[in-house]
Amino acid sequence: RLLPVEQLPAANSLNMTVMMAGAIAGPMVGGALIPVVGYSW
C-alpha cells in the first residue's frame, strides 16, 4: 500500500538487511554489556 510493485524486492531486501545486521550486532553488544551494566539497562 506504500510502494509500487517493482520496488517491493528492494524494500524487503532493505528490511531484511537491517534485521540480520541486528542479529549479528545485538548478541555481540548484549553479551559485552551484561557484565558491565546488568540486565535492566
Full PDB file with SEQRES, HELIX, SHEET, SSBOND, CRYST1, ORIGX, SCALE, CONECT and MASTER records, all heavy atoms in Angstrom:
SEQRES   1 A   41  ARG LEU LEU PRO VAL GLU GLN LEU PRO ALA ALA ASN SER          
SEQRES   2 A   41  LEU ASN MET THR VAL MET MET ALA GLY ALA ILE ALA GLY          
SEQRES   3 A   41  PRO MET VAL GLY GLY ALA LEU ILE PRO VAL VAL GLY TYR          
SEQRES   4 A   41  SER TRP                                                      
HELIX    1 AA1 VAL A    5  GLN A    7  5                                   3    
HELIX    2 AA2 LEU A    8  VAL A   37  1                                  30    
CRYST1    1.000    1.000    1.000  90.00  90.00  90.00 P 1           1          
ORIGX1      1.000000  0.000000  0.000000        0.00000                         
ORIGX2      0.000000  1.000000  0.000000        0.00000                         
ORIGX3      0.000000  0.000000  1.000000        0.00000                         
SCALE1      1.000000  0.000000  0.000000        0.00000                         
SCALE2      0.000000  1.000000  0.000000        0.00000                         
SCALE3      0.000000  0.000000  1.000000        0.00000                         
ATOM      1  N   ARG A   1       0.825  -1.209   0.000  1.00  0.00           N  
ATOM      2  CA  ARG A   1       0.000   0.000   0.000  1.00  0.00           C  
ATOM      3  C   ARG A   1       0.864   1.265   0.000  1.00  0.00           C  
ATOM      4  O   ARG A   1       0.370   2.352  -0.285  1.00  0.00           O  
ATOM      5  CB  ARG A   1      -0.918  -0.001   1.233  1.00  0.00           C  
ATOM      6  CG  ARG A   1      -1.907  -1.162   1.269  1.00  0.00           C  
ATOM      7  CD  ARG A   1      -3.079  -0.917   0.333  1.00  0.00           C  
ATOM      8  NE  ARG A   1      -3.837   0.249   0.762  1.00  0.00           N  
ATOM      9  CZ  ARG A   1      -4.765   0.221   1.722  1.00  0.00           C  
ATOM     10  NH1 ARG A   1      -5.039  -0.919   2.350  1.00  0.00           N  
ATOM     11  NH2 ARG A   1      -5.420   1.319   2.057  1.00  0.00           N  
ATOM     12  N   LEU A   2       2.149   1.112   0.348  1.00  0.00           N  
ATOM     13  CA  LEU A   2       3.040   2.265   0.411  1.00  0.00           C  
ATOM     14  C   LEU A   2       3.920   2.396  -0.829  1.00  0.00           C  
ATOM     15  O   LEU A   2       4.320   3.507  -1.188  1.00  0.00           O  
ATOM     16  CB  LEU A   2       3.955   2.164   1.643  1.00  0.00           C  
ATOM     17  CG  LEU A   2       3.283   2.128   3.015  1.00  0.00           C  
ATOM     18  CD1 LEU A   2       4.346   1.984   4.099  1.00  0.00           C  
ATOM     19  CD2 LEU A   2       2.432   3.368   3.253  1.00  0.00           C  
ATOM     20  N   LEU A   3       4.226   1.262  -1.479  1.00  0.00           N  
ATOM     21  CA  LEU A   3       5.223   1.258  -2.551  1.00  0.00           C  
ATOM     22  C   LEU A   3       4.672   0.598  -3.806  1.00  0.00           C  
ATOM     23  O   LEU A   3       3.809  -0.288  -3.725  1.00  0.00           O  
ATOM     24  CB  LEU A   3       6.479   0.495  -2.106  1.00  0.00           C  
ATOM     25  CG  LEU A   3       7.251   1.060  -0.921  1.00  0.00           C  
ATOM     26  CD1 LEU A   3       8.262   0.031  -0.429  1.00  0.00           C  
ATOM     27  CD2 LEU A   3       7.948   2.355  -1.307  1.00  0.00           C  
ATOM     28  N   PRO A   4       5.187   0.974  -4.990  1.00  0.00           N  
ATOM     29  CA  PRO A   4       4.817   0.270  -6.215  1.00  0.00           C  
ATOM     30  C   PRO A   4       5.396  -1.141  -6.233  1.00  0.00           C  
ATOM     31  O   PRO A   4       6.395  -1.426  -5.559  1.00  0.00           O  
ATOM     32  CB  PRO A   4       5.430   1.133  -7.329  1.00  0.00           C  
ATOM     33  CG  PRO A   4       6.512   1.912  -6.664  1.00  0.00           C  
ATOM     34  CD  PRO A   4       6.076   2.130  -5.252  1.00  0.00           C  
ATOM     35  N   VAL A   5       4.777  -2.028  -7.013  1.00  0.00           N  
ATOM     36  CA  VAL A   5       5.155  -3.446  -7.035  1.00  0.00           C  
ATOM     37  C   VAL A   5       6.630  -3.631  -7.363  1.00  0.00           C  
ATOM     38  O   VAL A   5       7.320  -4.465  -6.758  1.00  0.00           O  
ATOM     39  CB  VAL A   5       4.275  -4.210  -8.052  1.00  0.00           C  
ATOM     40  CG1 VAL A   5       4.812  -5.624  -8.263  1.00  0.00           C  
ATOM     41  CG2 VAL A   5       2.840  -4.262  -7.578  1.00  0.00           C  
ATOM     42  N   GLU A   6       7.152  -2.846  -8.313  1.00  0.00           N  
ATOM     43  CA  GLU A   6       8.537  -3.051  -8.751  1.00  0.00           C  
ATOM     44  C   GLU A   6       9.556  -2.713  -7.667  1.00  0.00           C  
ATOM     45  O   GLU A   6      10.718  -3.121  -7.758  1.00  0.00           O  
ATOM     46  CB  GLU A   6       8.836  -2.232 -10.009  1.00  0.00           C  
ATOM     47  CG  GLU A   6       8.711  -0.729  -9.836  1.00  0.00           C  
ATOM     48  CD  GLU A   6       7.310  -0.205 -10.115  1.00  0.00           C  
ATOM     49  OE1 GLU A   6       6.367  -1.033 -10.173  1.00  0.00           O  
ATOM     50  OE2 GLU A   6       7.164   1.012 -10.290  1.00  0.00           O  
ATOM     51  N   GLN A   7       9.139  -1.992  -6.615  1.00  0.00           N  
ATOM     52  CA  GLN A   7      10.065  -1.650  -5.536  1.00  0.00           C  
ATOM     53  C   GLN A   7       9.997  -2.615  -4.356  1.00  0.00           C  
ATOM     54  O   GLN A   7      10.799  -2.496  -3.417  1.00  0.00           O  
ATOM     55  CB  GLN A   7       9.801  -0.223  -5.048  1.00  0.00           C  
ATOM     56  CG  GLN A   7      10.191   0.854  -6.045  1.00  0.00           C  
ATOM     57  CD  GLN A   7      10.062   2.250  -5.467  1.00  0.00           C  
ATOM     58  OE1 GLN A   7       9.724   2.435  -4.296  1.00  0.00           O  
ATOM     59  NE2 GLN A   7      10.324   3.262  -6.286  1.00  0.00           N  
ATOM     60  N   LEU A   8       9.082  -3.575  -4.394  1.00  0.00           N  
ATOM     61  CA  LEU A   8       8.917  -4.471  -3.241  1.00  0.00           C  
ATOM     62  C   LEU A   8      10.155  -5.330  -2.971  1.00  0.00           C  
ATOM     63  O   LEU A   8      10.555  -5.470  -1.806  1.00  0.00           O  
ATOM     64  CB  LEU A   8       7.679  -5.350  -3.431  1.00  0.00           C  
ATOM     65  CG  LEU A   8       6.331  -4.625  -3.346  1.00  0.00           C  
ATOM     66  CD1 LEU A   8       5.185  -5.606  -3.605  1.00  0.00           C  
ATOM     67  CD2 LEU A   8       6.156  -3.963  -1.974  1.00  0.00           C  
ATOM     68  N   PRO A   9      10.794  -5.962  -3.993  1.00  0.00           N  
ATOM     69  CA  PRO A   9      12.009  -6.735  -3.680  1.00  0.00           C  
ATOM     70  C   PRO A   9      13.091  -5.892  -3.007  1.00  0.00           C  
ATOM     71  O   PRO A   9      13.730  -6.340  -2.048  1.00  0.00           O  
ATOM     72  CB  PRO A   9      12.467  -7.252  -5.051  1.00  0.00           C  
ATOM     73  CG  PRO A   9      11.223  -7.284  -5.879  1.00  0.00           C  
ATOM     74  CD  PRO A   9      10.431  -6.095  -5.414  1.00  0.00           C  
ATOM     75  N   ALA A  10      13.303  -4.666  -3.506  1.00  0.00           N  
ATOM     76  CA  ALA A  10      14.323  -3.797  -2.908  1.00  0.00           C  
ATOM     77  C   ALA A  10      13.942  -3.426  -1.480  1.00  0.00           C  
ATOM     78  O   ALA A  10      14.791  -3.407  -0.576  1.00  0.00           O  
ATOM     79  CB  ALA A  10      14.503  -2.537  -3.748  1.00  0.00           C  
ATOM     80  N   ALA A  11      12.660  -3.129  -1.245  1.00  0.00           N  
ATOM     81  CA  ALA A  11      12.209  -2.758   0.093  1.00  0.00           C  
ATOM     82  C   ALA A  11      12.368  -3.918   1.065  1.00  0.00           C  
ATOM     83  O   ALA A  11      12.836  -3.740   2.203  1.00  0.00           O  
ATOM     84  CB  ALA A  11      10.751  -2.302   0.045  1.00  0.00           C  
ATOM     85  N   ASN A  12      11.976  -5.131   0.640  1.00  0.00           N  
ATOM     86  CA  ASN A  12      12.130  -6.297   1.511  1.00  0.00           C  
ATOM     87  C   ASN A  12      13.593  -6.586   1.791  1.00  0.00           C  
ATOM     88  O   ASN A  12      13.960  -6.985   2.902  1.00  0.00           O  
ATOM     89  CB  ASN A  12      11.454  -7.510   0.871  1.00  0.00           C  
ATOM     90  CG  ASN A  12       9.939  -7.451   0.962  1.00  0.00           C  
ATOM     91  OD1 ASN A  12       9.390  -7.205   2.029  1.00  0.00           O  
ATOM     92  ND2 ASN A  12       9.258  -7.648  -0.156  1.00  0.00           N  
ATOM     93  N   SER A  13      14.448  -6.385   0.785  1.00  0.00           N  
ATOM     94  CA  SER A  13      15.882  -6.587   0.986  1.00  0.00           C  
ATOM     95  C   SER A  13      16.436  -5.593   2.000  1.00  0.00           C  
ATOM     96  O   SER A  13      17.230  -5.969   2.887  1.00  0.00           O  
ATOM     97  CB  SER A  13      16.622  -6.446  -0.343  1.00  0.00           C  
ATOM     98  OG  SER A  13      18.013  -6.534  -0.158  1.00  0.00           O  
ATOM     99  N   LEU A  14      16.024  -4.337   1.917  1.00  0.00           N  
ATOM    100  CA  LEU A  14      16.472  -3.333   2.884  1.00  0.00           C  
ATOM    101  C   LEU A  14      16.041  -3.707   4.299  1.00  0.00           C  
ATOM    102  O   LEU A  14      16.827  -3.607   5.254  1.00  0.00           O  
ATOM    103  CB  LEU A  14      15.905  -1.959   2.507  1.00  0.00           C  
ATOM    104  CG  LEU A  14      16.517  -1.283   1.270  1.00  0.00           C  
ATOM    105  CD1 LEU A  14      15.691  -0.070   0.867  1.00  0.00           C  
ATOM    106  CD2 LEU A  14      17.965  -0.874   1.538  1.00  0.00           C  
ATOM    107  N   ASN A  15      14.792  -4.148   4.444  1.00  0.00           N  
ATOM    108  CA  ASN A  15      14.300  -4.538   5.774  1.00  0.00           C  
ATOM    109  C   ASN A  15      15.061  -5.736   6.322  1.00  0.00           C  
ATOM    110  O   ASN A  15      15.452  -5.769   7.495  1.00  0.00           O  
ATOM    111  CB  ASN A  15      12.807  -4.866   5.699  1.00  0.00           C  
ATOM    112  CG  ASN A  15      11.943  -3.622   5.581  1.00  0.00           C  
ATOM    113  OD1 ASN A  15      12.348  -2.526   5.978  1.00  0.00           O  
ATOM    114  ND2 ASN A  15      10.742  -3.776   5.049  1.00  0.00           N  
ATOM    115  N   MET A  16      15.280  -6.739   5.474  1.00  0.00           N  
ATOM    116  CA  MET A  16      15.962  -7.955   5.929  1.00  0.00           C  
ATOM    117  C   MET A  16      17.421  -7.688   6.271  1.00  0.00           C  
ATOM    118  O   MET A  16      17.971  -8.286   7.197  1.00  0.00           O  
ATOM    119  CB  MET A  16      15.859  -9.033   4.850  1.00  0.00           C  
ATOM    120  CG  MET A  16      14.455  -9.567   4.657  1.00  0.00           C  
ATOM    121  SD  MET A  16      14.351 -10.734   3.281  1.00  0.00           S  
ATOM    122  CE  MET A  16      12.567 -10.993   3.215  1.00  0.00           C  
ATOM    123  N   THR A  17      18.048  -6.794   5.525  1.00  0.00           N  
ATOM    124  CA  THR A  17      19.443  -6.461   5.818  1.00  0.00           C  
ATOM    125  C   THR A  17      19.575  -5.857   7.205  1.00  0.00           C  
ATOM    126  O   THR A  17      20.487  -6.203   7.972  1.00  0.00           O  
ATOM    127  CB  THR A  17      19.986  -5.478   4.757  1.00  0.00           C  
ATOM    128  OG1 THR A  17      19.886  -6.081   3.462  1.00  0.00           O  
ATOM    129  CG2 THR A  17      21.443  -5.135   5.030  1.00  0.00           C  
ATOM    130  N   VAL A  18      18.658  -4.960   7.549  1.00  0.00           N  
ATOM    131  CA  VAL A  18      18.676  -4.350   8.881  1.00  0.00           C  
ATOM    132  C   VAL A  18      18.453  -5.412   9.954  1.00  0.00           C  
ATOM    133  O   VAL A  18      19.145  -5.445  10.985  1.00  0.00           O  
ATOM    134  CB  VAL A  18      17.608  -3.242   8.980  1.00  0.00           C  
ATOM    135  CG1 VAL A  18      17.446  -2.772  10.426  1.00  0.00           C  
ATOM    136  CG2 VAL A  18      17.987  -2.069   8.096  1.00  0.00           C  
ATOM    137  N   MET A  19      17.490  -6.310   9.715  1.00  0.00           N  
ATOM    138  CA  MET A  19      17.197  -7.345  10.710  1.00  0.00           C  
ATOM    139  C   MET A  19      18.403  -8.260  10.937  1.00  0.00           C  
ATOM    140  O   MET A  19      18.737  -8.589  12.075  1.00  0.00           O  
ATOM    141  CB  MET A  19      15.988  -8.175  10.247  1.00  0.00           C  
ATOM    142  CG  MET A  19      14.675  -7.414  10.229  1.00  0.00           C  
ATOM    143  SD  MET A  19      14.172  -6.826  11.861  1.00  0.00           S  
ATOM    144  CE  MET A  19      13.892  -8.391  12.696  1.00  0.00           C  
ATOM    145  N   MET A  20      19.055  -8.673   9.853  1.00  0.00           N  
ATOM    146  CA  MET A  20      20.189  -9.580  10.002  1.00  0.00           C  
ATOM    147  C   MET A  20      21.394  -8.877  10.604  1.00  0.00           C  
ATOM    148  O   MET A  20      22.158  -9.476  11.370  1.00  0.00           O  
ATOM    149  CB  MET A  20      20.548 -10.199   8.648  1.00  0.00           C  
ATOM    150  CG  MET A  20      19.458 -11.062   8.050  1.00  0.00           C  
ATOM    151  SD  MET A  20      18.749 -12.284   9.192  1.00  0.00           S  
ATOM    152  CE  MET A  20      20.155 -13.327   9.502  1.00  0.00           C  
ATOM    153  N   ALA A  21      21.581  -7.600  10.267  1.00  0.00           N  
ATOM    154  CA  ALA A  21      22.671  -6.848  10.897  1.00  0.00           C  
ATOM    155  C   ALA A  21      22.448  -6.758  12.400  1.00  0.00           C  
ATOM    156  O   ALA A  21      23.388  -6.888  13.204  1.00  0.00           O  
ATOM    157  CB  ALA A  21      22.772  -5.451  10.285  1.00  0.00           C  
ATOM    158  N   GLY A  22      21.198  -6.549  12.788  1.00  0.00           N  
ATOM    159  CA  GLY A  22      20.873  -6.530  14.213  1.00  0.00           C  
ATOM    160  C   GLY A  22      21.102  -7.875  14.870  1.00  0.00           C  
ATOM    161  O   GLY A  22      21.536  -7.955  16.023  1.00  0.00           O  
ATOM    162  N   ALA A  23      20.814  -8.959  14.116  1.00  0.00           N  
ATOM    163  CA  ALA A  23      21.020 -10.304  14.661  1.00  0.00           C  
ATOM    164  C   ALA A  23      22.494 -10.596  14.916  1.00  0.00           C  
ATOM    165  O   ALA A  23      22.827 -11.435  15.751  1.00  0.00           O  
ATOM    166  CB  ALA A  23      20.439 -11.341  13.693  1.00  0.00           C  
ATOM    167  N   ILE A  24      23.380  -9.907  14.178  1.00  0.00           N  
ATOM    168  CA  ILE A  24      24.822 -10.062  14.416  1.00  0.00           C  
ATOM    169  C   ILE A  24      25.277  -9.142  15.542  1.00  0.00           C  
ATOM    170  O   ILE A  24      25.943  -9.564  16.493  1.00  0.00           O  
ATOM    171  CB  ILE A  24      25.621  -9.748  13.134  1.00  0.00           C  
ATOM    172  CG1 ILE A  24      25.257 -10.731  12.021  1.00  0.00           C  
ATOM    173  CG2 ILE A  24      27.123  -9.808  13.409  1.00  0.00           C  
ATOM    174  CD1 ILE A  24      25.830 -10.357  10.672  1.00  0.00           C  
ATOM    175  N   ALA A  25      24.918  -7.855  15.430  1.00  0.00           N  
ATOM    176  CA  ALA A  25      25.422  -6.860  16.381  1.00  0.00           C  
ATOM    177  C   ALA A  25      24.786  -6.991  17.761  1.00  0.00           C  
ATOM    178  O   ALA A  25      25.465  -6.811  18.776  1.00  0.00           O  
ATOM    179  CB  ALA A  25      25.171  -5.449  15.830  1.00  0.00           C  
ATOM    180  N   GLY A  26      23.487  -7.309  17.807  1.00  0.00           N  
ATOM    181  CA  GLY A  26      22.785  -7.371  19.089  1.00  0.00           C  
ATOM    182  C   GLY A  26      23.413  -8.326  20.088  1.00  0.00           C  
ATOM    183  O   GLY A  26      23.731  -7.938  21.221  1.00  0.00           O  
ATOM    184  N   PRO A  27      23.616  -9.617  19.710  1.00  0.00           N  
ATOM    185  CA  PRO A  27      24.246 -10.547  20.653  1.00  0.00           C  
ATOM    186  C   PRO A  27      25.653 -10.131  21.062  1.00  0.00           C  
ATOM    187  O   PRO A  27      26.050 -10.312  22.217  1.00  0.00           O  
ATOM    188  CB  PRO A  27      24.261 -11.866  19.862  1.00  0.00           C  
ATOM    189  CG  PRO A  27      23.124 -11.748  18.913  1.00  0.00           C  
ATOM    190  CD  PRO A  27      23.088 -10.303  18.518  1.00  0.00           C  
ATOM    191  N   MET A  28      26.421  -9.559  20.116  1.00  0.00           N  
ATOM    192  CA  MET A  28      27.780  -9.134  20.460  1.00  0.00           C  
ATOM    193  C   MET A  28      27.745  -8.000  21.483  1.00  0.00           C  
ATOM    194  O   MET A  28      28.449  -8.035  22.498  1.00  0.00           O  
ATOM    195  CB  MET A  28      28.510  -8.681  19.197  1.00  0.00           C  
ATOM    196  CG  MET A  28      28.796  -9.797  18.203  1.00  0.00           C  
ATOM    197  SD  MET A  28      29.508  -9.191  16.665  1.00  0.00           S  
ATOM    198  CE  MET A  28      31.034  -8.479  17.276  1.00  0.00           C  
ATOM    199  N   VAL A  29      26.899  -6.991  21.214  1.00  0.00           N  
ATOM    200  CA  VAL A  29      26.797  -5.858  22.128  1.00  0.00           C  
ATOM    201  C   VAL A  29      26.185  -6.286  23.460  1.00  0.00           C  
ATOM    202  O   VAL A  29      26.679  -5.928  24.536  1.00  0.00           O  
ATOM    203  CB  VAL A  29      25.964  -4.725  21.490  1.00  0.00           C  
ATOM    204  CG1 VAL A  29      25.733  -3.597  22.482  1.00  0.00           C  
ATOM    205  CG2 VAL A  29      26.656  -4.198  20.238  1.00  0.00           C  
ATOM    206  N   GLY A  30      25.101  -7.081  23.382  1.00  0.00           N  
ATOM    207  CA  GLY A  30      24.437  -7.524  24.608  1.00  0.00           C  
ATOM    208  C   GLY A  30      25.341  -8.364  25.487  1.00  0.00           C  
ATOM    209  O   GLY A  30      25.412  -8.165  26.702  1.00  0.00           O  
ATOM    210  N   GLY A  31      26.050  -9.315  24.852  1.00  0.00           N  
ATOM    211  CA  GLY A  31      26.955 -10.157  25.625  1.00  0.00           C  
ATOM    212  C   GLY A  31      28.052  -9.365  26.314  1.00  0.00           C  
ATOM    213  O   GLY A  31      28.464  -9.692  27.434  1.00  0.00           O  
ATOM    214  N   ALA A  32      28.511  -8.296  25.647  1.00  0.00           N  
ATOM    215  CA  ALA A  32      29.558  -7.465  26.242  1.00  0.00           C  
ATOM    216  C   ALA A  32      29.019  -6.564  27.346  1.00  0.00           C  
ATOM    217  O   ALA A  32      29.722  -6.279  28.326  1.00  0.00           O  
ATOM    218  CB  ALA A  32      30.225  -6.620  25.154  1.00  0.00           C  
ATOM    219  N   LEU A  33      27.764  -6.109  27.206  1.00  0.00           N  
ATOM    220  CA  LEU A  33      27.212  -5.143  28.154  1.00  0.00           C  
ATOM    221  C   LEU A  33      26.674  -5.777  29.439  1.00  0.00           C  
ATOM    222  O   LEU A  33      26.680  -5.134  30.486  1.00  0.00           O  
ATOM    223  CB  LEU A  33      26.081  -4.339  27.495  1.00  0.00           C  
ATOM    224  CG  LEU A  33      26.491  -3.273  26.482  1.00  0.00           C  
ATOM    225  CD1 LEU A  33      25.252  -2.580  25.925  1.00  0.00           C  
ATOM    226  CD2 LEU A  33      27.413  -2.244  27.135  1.00  0.00           C  
ATOM    227  N   ILE A  34      26.206  -7.024  29.371  1.00  0.00           N  
ATOM    228  CA  ILE A  34      25.593  -7.637  30.557  1.00  0.00           C  
ATOM    229  C   ILE A  34      26.514  -7.602  31.778  1.00  0.00           C  
ATOM    230  O   ILE A  34      26.094  -7.193  32.871  1.00  0.00           O  
ATOM    231  CB  ILE A  34      25.136  -9.085  30.256  1.00  0.00           C  
ATOM    232  CG1 ILE A  34      23.888  -9.065  29.367  1.00  0.00           C  
ATOM    233  CG2 ILE A  34      24.823  -9.841  31.554  1.00  0.00           C  
ATOM    234  CD1 ILE A  34      23.458 -10.437  28.890  1.00  0.00           C  
ATOM    235  N   PRO A  35      27.800  -7.995  31.659  1.00  0.00           N  
ATOM    236  CA  PRO A  35      28.652  -7.941  32.856  1.00  0.00           C  
ATOM    237  C   PRO A  35      28.941  -6.517  33.329  1.00  0.00           C  
ATOM    238  O   PRO A  35      29.299  -6.320  34.494  1.00  0.00           O  
ATOM    239  CB  PRO A  35      29.952  -8.618  32.385  1.00  0.00           C  
ATOM    240  CG  PRO A  35      29.613  -9.338  31.135  1.00  0.00           C  
ATOM    241  CD  PRO A  35      28.509  -8.547  30.498  1.00  0.00           C  
ATOM    242  N   VAL A  36      28.767  -5.539  32.449  1.00  0.00           N  
ATOM    243  CA  VAL A  36      29.125  -4.162  32.779  1.00  0.00           C  
ATOM    244  C   VAL A  36      27.956  -3.396  33.386  1.00  0.00           C  
ATOM    245  O   VAL A  36      28.100  -2.740  34.430  1.00  0.00           O  
ATOM    246  CB  VAL A  36      29.646  -3.419  31.522  1.00  0.00           C  
ATOM    247  CG1 VAL A  36      29.997  -1.965  31.860  1.00  0.00           C  
ATOM    248  CG2 VAL A  36      30.853  -4.142  30.940  1.00  0.00           C  
ATOM    249  N   VAL A  37      26.780  -3.477  32.728  1.00  0.00           N  
ATOM    250  CA  VAL A  37      25.646  -2.643  33.149  1.00  0.00           C  
ATOM    251  C   VAL A  37      24.483  -3.451  33.705  1.00  0.00           C  
ATOM    252  O   VAL A  37      23.539  -2.878  34.265  1.00  0.00           O  
ATOM    253  CB  VAL A  37      25.159  -1.751  31.988  1.00  0.00           C  
ATOM    254  CG1 VAL A  37      26.262  -0.837  31.506  1.00  0.00           C  
ATOM    255  CG2 VAL A  37      24.621  -2.604  30.835  1.00  0.00           C  
ATOM    256  N   GLY A  38      24.490  -4.783  33.528  1.00  0.00           N  
ATOM    257  CA  GLY A  38      23.401  -5.605  34.038  1.00  0.00           C  
ATOM    258  C   GLY A  38      22.235  -5.697  33.064  1.00  0.00           C  
ATOM    259  O   GLY A  38      22.204  -5.038  32.028  1.00  0.00           O  
ATOM    260  N   TYR A  39      21.254  -6.517  33.426  1.00  0.00           N  
ATOM    261  CA  TYR A  39      20.132  -6.798  32.535  1.00  0.00           C  
ATOM    262  C   TYR A  39      19.177  -5.615  32.398  1.00  0.00           C  
ATOM    263  O   TYR A  39      18.621  -5.376  31.325  1.00  0.00           O  
ATOM    264  CB  TYR A  39      19.358  -8.020  33.045  1.00  0.00           C  
ATOM    265  CG  TYR A  39      20.203  -9.256  33.170  1.00  0.00           C  
ATOM    266  CD1 TYR A  39      20.584  -9.731  34.425  1.00  0.00           C  
ATOM    267  CD2 TYR A  39      20.630  -9.949  32.046  1.00  0.00           C  
ATOM    268  CE1 TYR A  39      21.374 -10.872  34.549  1.00  0.00           C  
ATOM    269  CE2 TYR A  39      21.420 -11.085  32.162  1.00  0.00           C  
ATOM    270  CZ  TYR A  39      21.785 -11.539  33.415  1.00  0.00           C  
ATOM    271  OH  TYR A  39      22.570 -12.649  33.526  1.00  0.00           O  
ATOM    272  N   SER A  40      18.950  -4.895  33.467  1.00  0.00           N  
ATOM    273  CA  SER A  40      17.918  -3.857  33.447  1.00  0.00           C  
ATOM    274  C   SER A  40      18.217  -2.796  32.395  1.00  0.00           C  
ATOM    275  O   SER A  40      17.298  -2.298  31.724  1.00  0.00           O  
ATOM    276  CB  SER A  40      17.779  -3.214  34.827  1.00  0.00           C  
ATOM    277  OG  SER A  40      18.986  -2.580  35.219  1.00  0.00           O  
ATOM    278  N   TRP A  41      19.478  -2.443  32.211  1.00  0.00           N  
ATOM    279  CA  TRP A  41      19.813  -1.419  31.228  1.00  0.00           C  
ATOM    280  C   TRP A  41      19.554  -1.906  29.803  1.00  0.00           C  
ATOM    281  O   TRP A  41      19.152  -1.119  28.938  1.00  0.00           O  
ATOM    282  CB  TRP A  41      21.271  -0.984  31.395  1.00  0.00           C  
ATOM    283  CG  TRP A  41      21.439   0.054  32.458  1.00  0.00           C  
ATOM    284  CD1 TRP A  41      21.846  -0.141  33.744  1.00  0.00           C  
ATOM    285  CD2 TRP A  41      21.163   1.455  32.331  1.00  0.00           C  
ATOM    286  NE1 TRP A  41      21.844   1.050  34.433  1.00  0.00           N  
ATOM    287  CE2 TRP A  41      21.432   2.050  33.583  1.00  0.00           C  
ATOM    288  CE3 TRP A  41      20.715   2.263  31.286  1.00  0.00           C  
ATOM    289  CZ2 TRP A  41      21.270   3.411  33.818  1.00  0.00           C  
ATOM    290  CZ3 TRP A  41      20.550   3.615  31.508  1.00  0.00           C  
ATOM    291  CH2 TRP A  41      20.824   4.182  32.765  1.00  0.00           C  
TER     292      TRP A  41                                                      
MASTER        0    0    0    2    0    0    0    6  291    1    0    4          
END                                                                             
